Amino acid sequence: MIDLHTHTLFSDGELLPSELVRRAEVKGYTAIALTDHVDSSNIDFVIPRLVDVCKNLNGHWKICSIPGCEITHAPVEEIKGLVKRARKLGAKIVVVHGETVSEPVIRGTNFSAIDAGCDILAHPGFITDEDVKLAKSRGVHLEITTMPSHRKTNKRLVKLALRIGAKLVLDTDGHSSEDFVSDSQASAILKKLGLSAIQARKVFDNSRALVKKACS
C-alpha cells in the first residue's frame, strides 16, 4: 500500500512522524507521504521539519517516507503561490484540500489547486466536469478518499474521472494508524466503487508513479 495523504501532530494528526511511519511500515506500507495542513502561517515551519525527518527515516528504514503538505482552506488567490513555496521548501508531494461536502471550503478551491499544478487534489466533493478535464490536461491526480467524513462523493468522482480520463489515486487522509488500510481493503474499496481489476491497478500505478517522481 502507498498512502500519499497523511497527517502527524505537526497539524491535526495524533502521532509523531516517526511513529506514524513506523506503524505504516508494520501495516505493510511501502511508501507514505507526510502531508500536514499548511497555509501562509505555518508552511515555512512544517515542511522543513518533515523534510528533515523523512531524510533521517529513509536512512534507516525500508519504507519510503516522503515530505509533503496539504494546503488547507487558503484563499484561492494564494494557492498558486503556496504550491510554489511548498516545492521550494522541499515538499515532494503537494496536496490541496479540495471542496469536500463536509467542510465550508471556499468555492473555486478545486480550480485554483488544479490550475496551480498541485500533485493531488484531495476529496474534491462535487467537482465539475470542467475541473476534471483541467486536471487531466495538467496531470493533477484526483483523490479517492477512505476517510468517512469525505468519501460521500467518491462514486461520482470515479465515474467522472473514468469518463474523462483524469488520473485517480486512493489515499486515507490518515490522522492515526487506525485510519490505514491494507492492499486488500483498498482493492475492495475500489471494487465497490465500480472499478474493474485493471482500472484499480491503474489507480495503484498512479501512486507508484508519484512515489518514483518524488524519490528521483
N, C-alpha and C. Protein backbone atom coordinates (compact mmCIF):
# COMPACT_ATOMS: atom_id res chain seq x y z
N MET A 1 0.84 -1.20 0.00
CA MET A 1 0.00 0.00 0.00
C MET A 1 0.87 1.25 0.00
N ILE A 2 0.47 2.21 -0.79
CA ILE A 2 1.09 3.53 -0.82
C ILE A 2 0.03 4.54 -0.41
N ASP A 3 0.39 5.42 0.51
CA ASP A 3 -0.55 6.42 1.02
C ASP A 3 0.11 7.78 0.91
N LEU A 4 -0.45 8.67 0.11
CA LEU A 4 0.17 9.96 -0.17
C LEU A 4 -0.57 11.14 0.46
N HIS A 5 -1.36 10.84 1.49
CA HIS A 5 -2.09 11.90 2.19
C HIS A 5 -2.29 11.48 3.64
N THR A 6 -1.40 11.93 4.53
CA THR A 6 -1.49 11.60 5.95
C THR A 6 -1.09 12.81 6.79
N HIS A 7 -1.40 12.74 8.09
CA HIS A 7 -1.15 13.86 8.99
C HIS A 7 -0.49 13.41 10.29
N THR A 8 0.44 14.21 10.76
CA THR A 8 1.13 13.97 12.02
C THR A 8 0.71 15.05 13.02
N LEU A 9 1.34 15.05 14.20
CA LEU A 9 0.99 16.08 15.17
C LEU A 9 1.56 17.45 14.82
N PHE A 10 2.22 17.55 13.65
CA PHE A 10 2.59 18.88 13.17
C PHE A 10 1.35 19.63 12.67
N SER A 11 0.22 18.91 12.48
CA SER A 11 -1.06 19.58 12.24
C SER A 11 -2.10 18.93 13.15
N ASP A 12 -3.07 18.21 12.57
CA ASP A 12 -4.13 17.64 13.42
C ASP A 12 -4.04 16.12 13.54
N GLY A 13 -2.89 15.55 13.21
CA GLY A 13 -2.70 14.12 13.42
C GLY A 13 -2.39 13.81 14.87
N GLU A 14 -2.35 12.52 15.20
CA GLU A 14 -2.17 12.09 16.59
C GLU A 14 -0.74 11.70 16.92
N LEU A 15 0.09 11.42 15.92
CA LEU A 15 1.39 10.80 16.18
C LEU A 15 2.55 11.63 15.65
N LEU A 16 3.72 11.44 16.28
CA LEU A 16 4.95 11.96 15.73
C LEU A 16 5.19 11.36 14.34
N PRO A 17 5.88 12.06 13.46
CA PRO A 17 6.17 11.49 12.15
C PRO A 17 6.80 10.11 12.21
N SER A 18 7.78 9.92 13.08
CA SER A 18 8.46 8.62 13.16
C SER A 18 7.51 7.50 13.52
N GLU A 19 6.61 7.78 14.47
CA GLU A 19 5.69 6.72 14.89
C GLU A 19 4.66 6.44 13.80
N LEU A 20 4.18 7.47 13.13
CA LEU A 20 3.21 7.24 12.05
C LEU A 20 3.84 6.40 10.95
N VAL A 21 5.07 6.73 10.58
CA VAL A 21 5.75 5.97 9.52
C VAL A 21 6.01 4.54 9.98
N ARG A 22 6.44 4.37 11.22
CA ARG A 22 6.69 3.02 11.73
C ARG A 22 5.43 2.17 11.72
N ARG A 23 4.33 2.74 12.13
CA ARG A 23 3.07 1.99 12.15
C ARG A 23 2.60 1.68 10.74
N ALA A 24 2.89 2.57 9.80
CA ALA A 24 2.57 2.30 8.40
C ALA A 24 3.41 1.14 7.87
N GLU A 25 4.68 1.12 8.24
CA GLU A 25 5.56 0.04 7.81
C GLU A 25 5.06 -1.30 8.35
N VAL A 26 4.66 -1.33 9.60
CA VAL A 26 4.14 -2.57 10.20
C VAL A 26 2.85 -3.00 9.51
N LYS A 27 2.07 -2.02 9.04
CA LYS A 27 0.82 -2.32 8.34
C LYS A 27 1.07 -2.90 6.95
N GLY A 28 2.31 -2.78 6.45
CA GLY A 28 2.64 -3.30 5.14
C GLY A 28 2.82 -2.24 4.08
N TYR A 29 2.81 -0.98 4.48
CA TYR A 29 3.01 0.10 3.52
C TYR A 29 4.44 0.07 2.98
N THR A 30 4.58 0.45 1.71
CA THR A 30 5.91 0.58 1.11
C THR A 30 6.32 2.04 0.98
N ALA A 31 5.35 2.95 1.00
CA ALA A 31 5.65 4.38 0.91
C ALA A 31 4.53 5.18 1.57
N ILE A 32 4.91 6.30 2.17
CA ILE A 32 3.94 7.17 2.82
C ILE A 32 4.39 8.61 2.69
N ALA A 33 3.46 9.49 2.36
CA ALA A 33 3.76 10.92 2.32
C ALA A 33 3.17 11.57 3.56
N LEU A 34 3.97 12.40 4.21
CA LEU A 34 3.52 13.15 5.37
C LEU A 34 3.09 14.52 4.88
N THR A 35 1.79 14.78 4.92
CA THR A 35 1.23 15.97 4.26
C THR A 35 0.40 16.78 5.25
N ASP A 36 1.07 17.35 6.22
CA ASP A 36 0.34 18.12 7.22
C ASP A 36 -0.27 19.38 6.65
N HIS A 37 -1.35 19.83 7.32
CA HIS A 37 -2.06 21.03 6.88
C HIS A 37 -1.18 22.27 6.99
N VAL A 38 -1.19 23.06 5.93
CA VAL A 38 -0.44 24.32 5.94
C VAL A 38 -1.24 25.43 5.26
N ASP A 39 -0.91 26.65 5.67
CA ASP A 39 -1.31 27.85 4.94
C ASP A 39 -0.15 28.82 5.08
N SER A 40 -0.37 30.08 4.86
CA SER A 40 0.74 31.03 4.91
C SER A 40 1.31 31.20 6.31
N SER A 41 0.57 30.77 7.33
CA SER A 41 1.01 30.98 8.71
C SER A 41 2.06 29.99 9.18
N ASN A 42 2.08 28.79 8.60
CA ASN A 42 2.95 27.73 9.15
C ASN A 42 3.73 26.94 8.10
N ILE A 43 3.60 27.29 6.84
CA ILE A 43 4.21 26.49 5.78
C ILE A 43 5.73 26.42 5.94
N ASP A 44 6.34 27.53 6.36
CA ASP A 44 7.80 27.56 6.49
C ASP A 44 8.28 26.89 7.77
N PHE A 45 7.37 26.55 8.66
CA PHE A 45 7.71 25.80 9.87
C PHE A 45 7.56 24.30 9.65
N VAL A 46 6.45 23.90 9.05
CA VAL A 46 6.11 22.48 8.93
C VAL A 46 6.98 21.74 7.92
N ILE A 47 7.06 22.25 6.71
CA ILE A 47 7.71 21.49 5.64
C ILE A 47 9.18 21.19 5.93
N PRO A 48 10.00 22.16 6.35
CA PRO A 48 11.40 21.82 6.62
C PRO A 48 11.57 20.73 7.67
N ARG A 49 10.68 20.65 8.64
CA ARG A 49 10.77 19.61 9.66
C ARG A 49 10.40 18.24 9.10
N LEU A 50 9.42 18.22 8.21
CA LEU A 50 9.07 16.95 7.56
C LEU A 50 10.17 16.51 6.61
N VAL A 51 10.80 17.45 5.94
CA VAL A 51 11.93 17.13 5.07
C VAL A 51 13.04 16.48 5.89
N ASP A 52 13.35 17.06 7.03
CA ASP A 52 14.42 16.53 7.87
C ASP A 52 14.11 15.13 8.39
N VAL A 53 12.90 14.93 8.89
CA VAL A 53 12.57 13.64 9.49
C VAL A 53 12.49 12.56 8.42
N CYS A 54 11.97 12.89 7.25
CA CYS A 54 11.89 11.89 6.18
C CYS A 54 13.29 11.49 5.71
N LYS A 55 14.18 12.44 5.59
CA LYS A 55 15.55 12.13 5.20
C LYS A 55 16.20 11.20 6.22
N ASN A 56 15.97 11.47 7.50
CA ASN A 56 16.52 10.64 8.55
C ASN A 56 15.95 9.23 8.53
N LEU A 57 14.63 9.12 8.43
CA LEU A 57 13.99 7.80 8.45
C LEU A 57 14.38 6.98 7.23
N ASN A 58 14.51 7.62 6.09
CA ASN A 58 14.88 6.90 4.87
C ASN A 58 16.31 6.35 4.95
N GLY A 59 17.07 6.89 5.86
CA GLY A 59 18.42 6.37 6.06
C GLY A 59 18.46 5.14 6.94
N HIS A 60 17.31 4.80 7.55
CA HIS A 60 17.28 3.68 8.49
C HIS A 60 16.26 2.59 8.11
N TRP A 61 15.14 2.98 7.52
CA TRP A 61 14.04 2.05 7.30
C TRP A 61 13.80 1.82 5.81
N LYS A 62 13.17 0.69 5.49
CA LYS A 62 12.89 0.34 4.10
C LYS A 62 11.72 1.14 3.54
N ILE A 63 10.71 1.44 4.36
CA ILE A 63 9.57 2.20 3.87
C ILE A 63 10.05 3.57 3.41
N CYS A 64 9.52 4.03 2.27
CA CYS A 64 9.89 5.34 1.74
C CYS A 64 9.02 6.42 2.36
N SER A 65 9.65 7.36 3.07
CA SER A 65 8.95 8.48 3.69
C SER A 65 9.12 9.71 2.81
N ILE A 66 8.02 10.36 2.45
CA ILE A 66 8.05 11.48 1.53
C ILE A 66 7.53 12.74 2.21
N PRO A 67 8.32 13.81 2.23
CA PRO A 67 7.85 15.06 2.82
C PRO A 67 6.87 15.77 1.90
N GLY A 68 5.79 16.26 2.47
CA GLY A 68 4.80 16.96 1.67
C GLY A 68 4.01 17.95 2.49
N CYS A 69 2.84 18.29 2.03
CA CYS A 69 1.95 19.18 2.77
C CYS A 69 0.56 19.10 2.15
N GLU A 70 -0.41 19.57 2.90
CA GLU A 70 -1.77 19.76 2.37
C GLU A 70 -2.16 21.21 2.59
N ILE A 71 -2.20 21.98 1.52
CA ILE A 71 -2.63 23.38 1.61
C ILE A 71 -4.13 23.38 1.89
N THR A 72 -4.51 24.01 2.99
CA THR A 72 -5.85 23.81 3.54
C THR A 72 -6.56 25.13 3.83
N HIS A 73 -7.75 25.29 3.25
CA HIS A 73 -8.61 26.46 3.49
C HIS A 73 -7.89 27.78 3.24
N ALA A 74 -6.95 27.79 2.32
CA ALA A 74 -6.26 29.03 1.97
C ALA A 74 -7.12 29.84 0.99
N PRO A 75 -7.01 31.15 1.01
CA PRO A 75 -7.70 31.95 -0.01
C PRO A 75 -7.30 31.47 -1.40
N VAL A 76 -8.26 31.40 -2.29
CA VAL A 76 -7.97 30.85 -3.62
C VAL A 76 -6.88 31.64 -4.34
N GLU A 77 -6.79 32.94 -4.04
CA GLU A 77 -5.78 33.77 -4.69
C GLU A 77 -4.36 33.41 -4.23
N GLU A 78 -4.23 32.72 -3.10
CA GLU A 78 -2.92 32.39 -2.55
C GLU A 78 -2.44 30.99 -2.92
N ILE A 79 -3.32 30.17 -3.46
CA ILE A 79 -2.98 28.75 -3.65
C ILE A 79 -1.80 28.56 -4.59
N LYS A 80 -1.78 29.24 -5.70
CA LYS A 80 -0.68 29.06 -6.66
C LYS A 80 0.65 29.42 -6.01
N GLY A 81 0.70 30.51 -5.29
CA GLY A 81 1.93 30.91 -4.63
C GLY A 81 2.34 29.94 -3.54
N LEU A 82 1.36 29.39 -2.83
CA LEU A 82 1.66 28.43 -1.77
C LEU A 82 2.19 27.12 -2.35
N VAL A 83 1.66 26.70 -3.49
CA VAL A 83 2.17 25.48 -4.14
C VAL A 83 3.64 25.68 -4.52
N LYS A 84 3.95 26.82 -5.11
CA LYS A 84 5.34 27.11 -5.49
C LYS A 84 6.23 27.17 -4.25
N ARG A 85 5.74 27.81 -3.21
CA ARG A 85 6.52 27.95 -1.98
C ARG A 85 6.77 26.59 -1.34
N ALA A 86 5.74 25.74 -1.35
CA ALA A 86 5.88 24.40 -0.76
C ALA A 86 6.97 23.61 -1.46
N ARG A 87 6.99 23.66 -2.78
CA ARG A 87 8.01 22.93 -3.54
C ARG A 87 9.40 23.50 -3.25
N LYS A 88 9.51 24.82 -3.15
CA LYS A 88 10.79 25.45 -2.86
C LYS A 88 11.32 25.03 -1.49
N LEU A 89 10.41 24.82 -0.54
CA LEU A 89 10.78 24.41 0.81
C LEU A 89 11.13 22.93 0.91
N GLY A 90 10.85 22.18 -0.16
CA GLY A 90 11.23 20.77 -0.18
C GLY A 90 10.10 19.77 -0.18
N ALA A 91 8.86 20.22 -0.28
CA ALA A 91 7.73 19.29 -0.35
C ALA A 91 7.77 18.52 -1.67
N LYS A 92 7.75 17.19 -1.59
CA LYS A 92 7.79 16.35 -2.78
C LYS A 92 6.39 15.94 -3.24
N ILE A 93 5.43 16.00 -2.36
CA ILE A 93 4.03 15.75 -2.71
C ILE A 93 3.22 16.93 -2.17
N VAL A 94 2.63 17.70 -3.06
CA VAL A 94 1.82 18.85 -2.66
C VAL A 94 0.35 18.52 -2.89
N VAL A 95 -0.37 18.42 -1.79
CA VAL A 95 -1.81 18.15 -1.81
C VAL A 95 -2.54 19.45 -1.52
N VAL A 96 -3.69 19.63 -2.13
CA VAL A 96 -4.55 20.76 -1.78
C VAL A 96 -5.89 20.19 -1.29
N HIS A 97 -6.35 20.72 -0.19
CA HIS A 97 -7.61 20.32 0.44
C HIS A 97 -8.77 20.78 -0.44
N GLY A 98 -9.42 19.83 -1.10
CA GLY A 98 -10.47 20.16 -2.05
C GLY A 98 -11.80 20.49 -1.41
N GLU A 99 -12.79 20.71 -2.28
CA GLU A 99 -14.10 21.20 -1.86
C GLU A 99 -15.02 20.09 -1.34
N THR A 100 -14.55 19.39 -0.31
CA THR A 100 -15.35 18.35 0.32
C THR A 100 -16.69 18.90 0.78
N VAL A 101 -17.71 18.05 0.75
CA VAL A 101 -19.05 18.48 1.18
C VAL A 101 -19.16 18.58 2.69
N SER A 102 -18.16 18.08 3.42
CA SER A 102 -18.26 18.06 4.88
C SER A 102 -17.63 19.28 5.56
N GLU A 103 -17.05 20.20 4.76
CA GLU A 103 -16.44 21.40 5.32
C GLU A 103 -16.74 22.60 4.43
N PRO A 104 -16.72 23.81 5.01
CA PRO A 104 -17.03 25.02 4.22
C PRO A 104 -15.83 25.52 3.42
N VAL A 105 -15.37 24.70 2.49
CA VAL A 105 -14.23 25.07 1.66
C VAL A 105 -14.67 26.13 0.64
N ILE A 106 -13.79 27.10 0.42
CA ILE A 106 -14.10 28.20 -0.48
C ILE A 106 -14.34 27.70 -1.90
N ARG A 107 -15.45 28.12 -2.48
CA ARG A 107 -15.74 27.75 -3.87
C ARG A 107 -14.65 28.30 -4.79
N GLY A 108 -14.20 27.45 -5.69
CA GLY A 108 -13.12 27.83 -6.58
C GLY A 108 -11.79 27.24 -6.16
N THR A 109 -11.76 26.60 -4.98
CA THR A 109 -10.53 25.98 -4.50
C THR A 109 -10.09 24.86 -5.44
N ASN A 110 -11.04 24.03 -5.89
CA ASN A 110 -10.68 22.94 -6.79
C ASN A 110 -9.99 23.46 -8.05
N PHE A 111 -10.59 24.46 -8.66
CA PHE A 111 -10.00 25.02 -9.88
C PHE A 111 -8.62 25.62 -9.61
N SER A 112 -8.51 26.41 -8.54
CA SER A 112 -7.25 27.08 -8.23
C SER A 112 -6.14 26.07 -7.95
N ALA A 113 -6.48 24.98 -7.26
CA ALA A 113 -5.50 23.93 -6.94
C ALA A 113 -4.99 23.26 -8.20
N ILE A 114 -5.92 22.92 -9.08
CA ILE A 114 -5.55 22.26 -10.34
C ILE A 114 -4.75 23.20 -11.22
N ASP A 115 -5.21 24.44 -11.31
CA ASP A 115 -4.53 25.44 -12.12
C ASP A 115 -3.11 25.69 -11.61
N ALA A 116 -2.91 25.54 -10.30
CA ALA A 116 -1.59 25.75 -9.69
C ALA A 116 -0.66 24.57 -9.92
N GLY A 117 -1.21 23.45 -10.39
CA GLY A 117 -0.38 22.29 -10.67
C GLY A 117 0.02 21.49 -9.44
N CYS A 118 -0.87 21.40 -8.46
CA CYS A 118 -0.59 20.56 -7.30
C CYS A 118 -0.49 19.10 -7.76
N ASP A 119 0.02 18.24 -6.90
CA ASP A 119 0.13 16.83 -7.26
C ASP A 119 -1.19 16.10 -7.08
N ILE A 120 -1.88 16.39 -5.96
CA ILE A 120 -3.12 15.70 -5.64
C ILE A 120 -4.15 16.70 -5.15
N LEU A 121 -5.35 16.64 -5.72
CA LEU A 121 -6.49 17.39 -5.19
C LEU A 121 -7.27 16.43 -4.31
N ALA A 122 -7.23 16.69 -3.00
CA ALA A 122 -7.86 15.78 -2.05
C ALA A 122 -9.37 15.99 -2.00
N HIS A 123 -10.07 14.88 -1.76
CA HIS A 123 -11.53 14.88 -1.57
C HIS A 123 -12.22 16.09 -2.21
N PRO A 124 -12.33 16.11 -3.54
CA PRO A 124 -12.80 17.29 -4.26
C PRO A 124 -14.31 17.50 -4.28
N GLY A 125 -15.07 16.69 -3.54
CA GLY A 125 -16.51 16.91 -3.45
C GLY A 125 -17.21 16.83 -4.78
N PHE A 126 -18.14 17.75 -5.02
CA PHE A 126 -18.89 17.75 -6.29
C PHE A 126 -18.10 18.51 -7.36
N ILE A 127 -16.94 17.99 -7.69
CA ILE A 127 -16.09 18.61 -8.69
C ILE A 127 -16.79 18.66 -10.04
N THR A 128 -16.57 19.73 -10.77
CA THR A 128 -17.24 19.90 -12.06
C THR A 128 -16.53 19.15 -13.18
N ASP A 129 -17.27 18.90 -14.24
CA ASP A 129 -16.68 18.27 -15.42
C ASP A 129 -15.50 19.09 -15.94
N GLU A 130 -15.66 20.43 -15.93
CA GLU A 130 -14.61 21.30 -16.44
C GLU A 130 -13.33 21.17 -15.63
N ASP A 131 -13.47 21.06 -14.31
CA ASP A 131 -12.29 20.93 -13.45
C ASP A 131 -11.63 19.56 -13.62
N VAL A 132 -12.44 18.53 -13.86
CA VAL A 132 -11.86 17.20 -14.11
C VAL A 132 -11.08 17.21 -15.42
N LYS A 133 -11.63 17.88 -16.43
CA LYS A 133 -10.93 18.00 -17.71
C LYS A 133 -9.62 18.76 -17.54
N LEU A 134 -9.65 19.81 -16.72
CA LEU A 134 -8.43 20.58 -16.47
C LEU A 134 -7.40 19.72 -15.73
N ALA A 135 -7.87 18.92 -14.79
CA ALA A 135 -6.97 18.02 -14.05
C ALA A 135 -6.30 17.05 -15.00
N LYS A 136 -7.06 16.55 -15.96
CA LYS A 136 -6.48 15.64 -16.95
C LYS A 136 -5.38 16.33 -17.73
N SER A 137 -5.64 17.54 -18.19
CA SER A 137 -4.67 18.25 -19.03
C SER A 137 -3.44 18.68 -18.24
N ARG A 138 -3.61 18.93 -16.94
CA ARG A 138 -2.48 19.39 -16.10
C ARG A 138 -1.76 18.23 -15.40
N GLY A 139 -2.30 17.03 -15.51
CA GLY A 139 -1.69 15.89 -14.86
C GLY A 139 -1.87 15.87 -13.35
N VAL A 140 -2.90 16.54 -12.87
CA VAL A 140 -3.20 16.57 -11.44
C VAL A 140 -4.03 15.34 -11.07
N HIS A 141 -3.65 14.67 -10.00
CA HIS A 141 -4.34 13.47 -9.56
C HIS A 141 -5.51 13.82 -8.66
N LEU A 142 -6.64 13.17 -8.88
CA LEU A 142 -7.84 13.38 -8.07
C LEU A 142 -7.96 12.24 -7.07
N GLU A 143 -8.27 12.59 -5.84
CA GLU A 143 -8.19 11.62 -4.76
C GLU A 143 -9.52 10.92 -4.44
N ILE A 144 -9.45 9.60 -4.47
CA ILE A 144 -10.48 8.76 -3.86
C ILE A 144 -10.07 8.61 -2.40
N THR A 145 -10.91 9.03 -1.50
CA THR A 145 -10.54 9.02 -0.09
C THR A 145 -11.26 7.91 0.67
N THR A 146 -10.58 7.34 1.64
CA THR A 146 -11.20 6.34 2.50
C THR A 146 -11.72 6.97 3.79
N MET A 147 -11.50 8.27 3.99
CA MET A 147 -11.94 8.96 5.20
C MET A 147 -13.45 9.11 5.20
N PRO A 148 -14.14 8.56 6.20
CA PRO A 148 -15.61 8.59 6.21
C PRO A 148 -16.23 9.96 6.03
N SER A 149 -15.63 10.99 6.59
CA SER A 149 -16.23 12.33 6.50
C SER A 149 -16.14 12.94 5.11
N HIS A 150 -15.33 12.38 4.25
CA HIS A 150 -15.13 12.95 2.92
C HIS A 150 -15.56 12.04 1.76
N ARG A 151 -15.87 10.78 2.03
CA ARG A 151 -15.99 9.82 0.94
C ARG A 151 -17.38 9.74 0.29
N LYS A 152 -18.30 10.59 0.70
CA LYS A 152 -19.66 10.54 0.16
C LYS A 152 -19.71 10.76 -1.35
N THR A 153 -18.76 11.51 -1.88
CA THR A 153 -18.78 11.83 -3.31
C THR A 153 -17.79 11.00 -4.12
N ASN A 154 -17.23 9.96 -3.53
CA ASN A 154 -16.26 9.12 -4.24
C ASN A 154 -16.81 8.52 -5.52
N LYS A 155 -18.01 7.97 -5.44
CA LYS A 155 -18.57 7.26 -6.60
C LYS A 155 -18.76 8.22 -7.78
N ARG A 156 -19.24 9.41 -7.49
CA ARG A 156 -19.43 10.40 -8.55
C ARG A 156 -18.08 10.78 -9.15
N LEU A 157 -17.10 10.99 -8.31
CA LEU A 157 -15.76 11.34 -8.78
C LEU A 157 -15.20 10.27 -9.69
N VAL A 158 -15.33 9.02 -9.28
CA VAL A 158 -14.80 7.91 -10.07
C VAL A 158 -15.44 7.87 -11.45
N LYS A 159 -16.75 8.02 -11.51
CA LYS A 159 -17.45 7.99 -12.79
C LYS A 159 -16.97 9.11 -13.71
N LEU A 160 -16.83 10.32 -13.15
CA LEU A 160 -16.36 11.45 -13.96
C LEU A 160 -14.94 11.24 -14.45
N ALA A 161 -14.07 10.83 -13.54
CA ALA A 161 -12.66 10.67 -13.90
C ALA A 161 -12.47 9.58 -14.95
N LEU A 162 -13.19 8.49 -14.81
CA LEU A 162 -13.07 7.41 -15.79
C LEU A 162 -13.59 7.84 -17.15
N ARG A 163 -14.67 8.60 -17.16
CA ARG A 163 -15.25 9.04 -18.43
C ARG A 163 -14.33 10.03 -19.13
N ILE A 164 -13.73 10.92 -18.35
CA ILE A 164 -12.90 11.99 -18.93
C ILE A 164 -11.45 11.56 -19.12
N GLY A 165 -11.01 10.62 -18.29
CA GLY A 165 -9.64 10.14 -18.40
C GLY A 165 -8.65 10.80 -17.46
N ALA A 166 -9.16 11.38 -16.36
CA ALA A 166 -8.28 12.01 -15.38
C ALA A 166 -7.66 10.94 -14.48
N LYS A 167 -6.52 11.26 -13.90
CA LYS A 167 -5.81 10.31 -13.05
C LYS A 167 -6.40 10.28 -11.64
N LEU A 168 -6.52 9.08 -11.10
CA LEU A 168 -7.04 8.88 -9.75
C LEU A 168 -5.98 8.25 -8.86
N VAL A 169 -6.01 8.59 -7.58
CA VAL A 169 -5.22 7.90 -6.57
C VAL A 169 -6.14 7.61 -5.39
N LEU A 170 -5.75 6.65 -4.57
CA LEU A 170 -6.51 6.34 -3.36
C LEU A 170 -5.62 6.61 -2.15
N ASP A 171 -6.13 7.44 -1.22
CA ASP A 171 -5.41 7.78 0.00
C ASP A 171 -6.35 7.70 1.20
N THR A 172 -5.75 7.65 2.39
CA THR A 172 -6.57 7.54 3.60
C THR A 172 -6.86 8.86 4.28
N ASP A 173 -6.05 9.91 4.01
CA ASP A 173 -6.16 11.14 4.80
C ASP A 173 -5.95 10.78 6.28
N GLY A 174 -5.06 9.81 6.53
CA GLY A 174 -4.93 9.25 7.86
C GLY A 174 -4.40 10.23 8.89
N HIS A 175 -5.09 10.27 10.04
CA HIS A 175 -4.66 11.09 11.17
C HIS A 175 -4.12 10.23 12.30
N SER A 176 -4.27 8.92 12.16
CA SER A 176 -3.69 7.96 13.10
C SER A 176 -3.53 6.64 12.35
N SER A 177 -2.84 5.69 12.97
CA SER A 177 -2.62 4.41 12.31
C SER A 177 -3.93 3.64 12.15
N GLU A 178 -4.94 3.98 12.92
CA GLU A 178 -6.23 3.31 12.80
C GLU A 178 -6.92 3.63 11.48
N ASP A 179 -6.49 4.69 10.82
CA ASP A 179 -7.08 5.09 9.54
C ASP A 179 -6.47 4.34 8.36
N PHE A 180 -5.34 3.68 8.57
CA PHE A 180 -4.66 3.00 7.48
C PHE A 180 -5.48 1.83 6.95
N VAL A 181 -5.27 1.51 5.67
CA VAL A 181 -5.93 0.37 5.04
C VAL A 181 -4.87 -0.52 4.40
N SER A 182 -5.18 -1.78 4.28
CA SER A 182 -4.28 -2.74 3.64
C SER A 182 -4.51 -2.74 2.13
N ASP A 183 -3.67 -3.44 1.40
CA ASP A 183 -3.85 -3.57 -0.05
C ASP A 183 -5.18 -4.21 -0.38
N SER A 184 -5.54 -5.24 0.37
CA SER A 184 -6.80 -5.94 0.10
C SER A 184 -8.00 -5.04 0.40
N GLN A 185 -7.91 -4.27 1.46
CA GLN A 185 -9.00 -3.34 1.79
C GLN A 185 -9.12 -2.26 0.72
N ALA A 186 -7.99 -1.75 0.25
CA ALA A 186 -8.01 -0.74 -0.81
C ALA A 186 -8.63 -1.29 -2.08
N SER A 187 -8.27 -2.50 -2.43
CA SER A 187 -8.83 -3.13 -3.63
C SER A 187 -10.34 -3.32 -3.49
N ALA A 188 -10.78 -3.69 -2.30
CA ALA A 188 -12.21 -3.89 -2.06
C ALA A 188 -12.97 -2.57 -2.17
N ILE A 189 -12.37 -1.50 -1.69
CA ILE A 189 -12.99 -0.18 -1.78
C ILE A 189 -13.16 0.23 -3.24
N LEU A 190 -12.13 0.03 -4.04
CA LEU A 190 -12.19 0.40 -5.45
C LEU A 190 -13.21 -0.46 -6.21
N LYS A 191 -13.27 -1.73 -5.86
CA LYS A 191 -14.24 -2.62 -6.50
C LYS A 191 -15.66 -2.18 -6.18
N LYS A 192 -15.90 -1.80 -4.94
CA LYS A 192 -17.22 -1.34 -4.52
C LYS A 192 -17.62 -0.07 -5.25
N LEU A 193 -16.62 0.73 -5.64
CA LEU A 193 -16.90 1.96 -6.37
C LEU A 193 -17.09 1.72 -7.86
N GLY A 194 -16.99 0.45 -8.29
CA GLY A 194 -17.26 0.11 -9.67
C GLY A 194 -16.05 -0.01 -10.57
N LEU A 195 -14.84 0.05 -10.02
CA LEU A 195 -13.65 -0.09 -10.84
C LEU A 195 -13.35 -1.56 -11.09
N SER A 196 -12.97 -1.86 -12.32
CA SER A 196 -12.54 -3.21 -12.67
C SER A 196 -11.16 -3.45 -12.08
N ALA A 197 -10.70 -4.68 -12.13
CA ALA A 197 -9.36 -5.00 -11.62
C ALA A 197 -8.29 -4.22 -12.38
N ILE A 198 -8.46 -4.08 -13.68
CA ILE A 198 -7.50 -3.32 -14.49
C ILE A 198 -7.51 -1.85 -14.12
N GLN A 199 -8.71 -1.29 -13.92
CA GLN A 199 -8.82 0.12 -13.54
C GLN A 199 -8.25 0.36 -12.15
N ALA A 200 -8.48 -0.57 -11.23
CA ALA A 200 -7.92 -0.45 -9.88
C ALA A 200 -6.40 -0.49 -9.92
N ARG A 201 -5.86 -1.37 -10.76
CA ARG A 201 -4.41 -1.47 -10.88
C ARG A 201 -3.82 -0.14 -11.37
N LYS A 202 -4.55 0.55 -12.24
CA LYS A 202 -4.09 1.84 -12.75
C LYS A 202 -4.05 2.88 -11.63
N VAL A 203 -5.03 2.83 -10.73
CA VAL A 203 -5.04 3.75 -9.59
C VAL A 203 -3.79 3.55 -8.74
N PHE A 204 -3.46 2.29 -8.47
CA PHE A 204 -2.26 1.99 -7.69
C PHE A 204 -0.99 2.38 -8.46
N ASP A 205 -1.02 2.18 -9.78
CA ASP A 205 0.13 2.56 -10.62
C ASP A 205 0.37 4.07 -10.56
N ASN A 206 -0.73 4.85 -10.50
CA ASN A 206 -0.60 6.30 -10.41
C ASN A 206 0.14 6.70 -9.14
N SER A 207 -0.18 6.04 -8.04
CA SER A 207 0.52 6.32 -6.77
C SER A 207 1.99 5.95 -6.87
N ARG A 208 2.25 4.81 -7.49
CA ARG A 208 3.65 4.38 -7.64
C ARG A 208 4.44 5.37 -8.48
N ALA A 209 3.80 5.92 -9.50
CA ALA A 209 4.48 6.89 -10.35
C ALA A 209 4.80 8.17 -9.59
N LEU A 210 3.90 8.58 -8.71
CA LEU A 210 4.15 9.77 -7.90
C LEU A 210 5.30 9.54 -6.93
N VAL A 211 5.35 8.34 -6.36
CA VAL A 211 6.45 7.98 -5.45
C VAL A 211 7.78 8.01 -6.21
N LYS A 212 7.78 7.44 -7.40
CA LYS A 212 9.01 7.40 -8.21
C LYS A 212 9.49 8.80 -8.53
N LYS A 213 8.55 9.68 -8.87
CA LYS A 213 8.88 11.07 -9.19
C LYS A 213 9.41 11.78 -7.95
N ALA A 214 8.78 11.54 -6.80
CA ALA A 214 9.17 12.21 -5.57
C ALA A 214 10.55 11.77 -5.10
N CYS A 215 10.90 10.55 -5.42
CA CYS A 215 12.18 9.99 -4.94
C CYS A 215 13.31 10.12 -5.94
N SER A 216 13.01 10.67 -7.11
CA SER A 216 14.04 10.77 -8.15
C SER A 216 14.95 11.98 -7.93
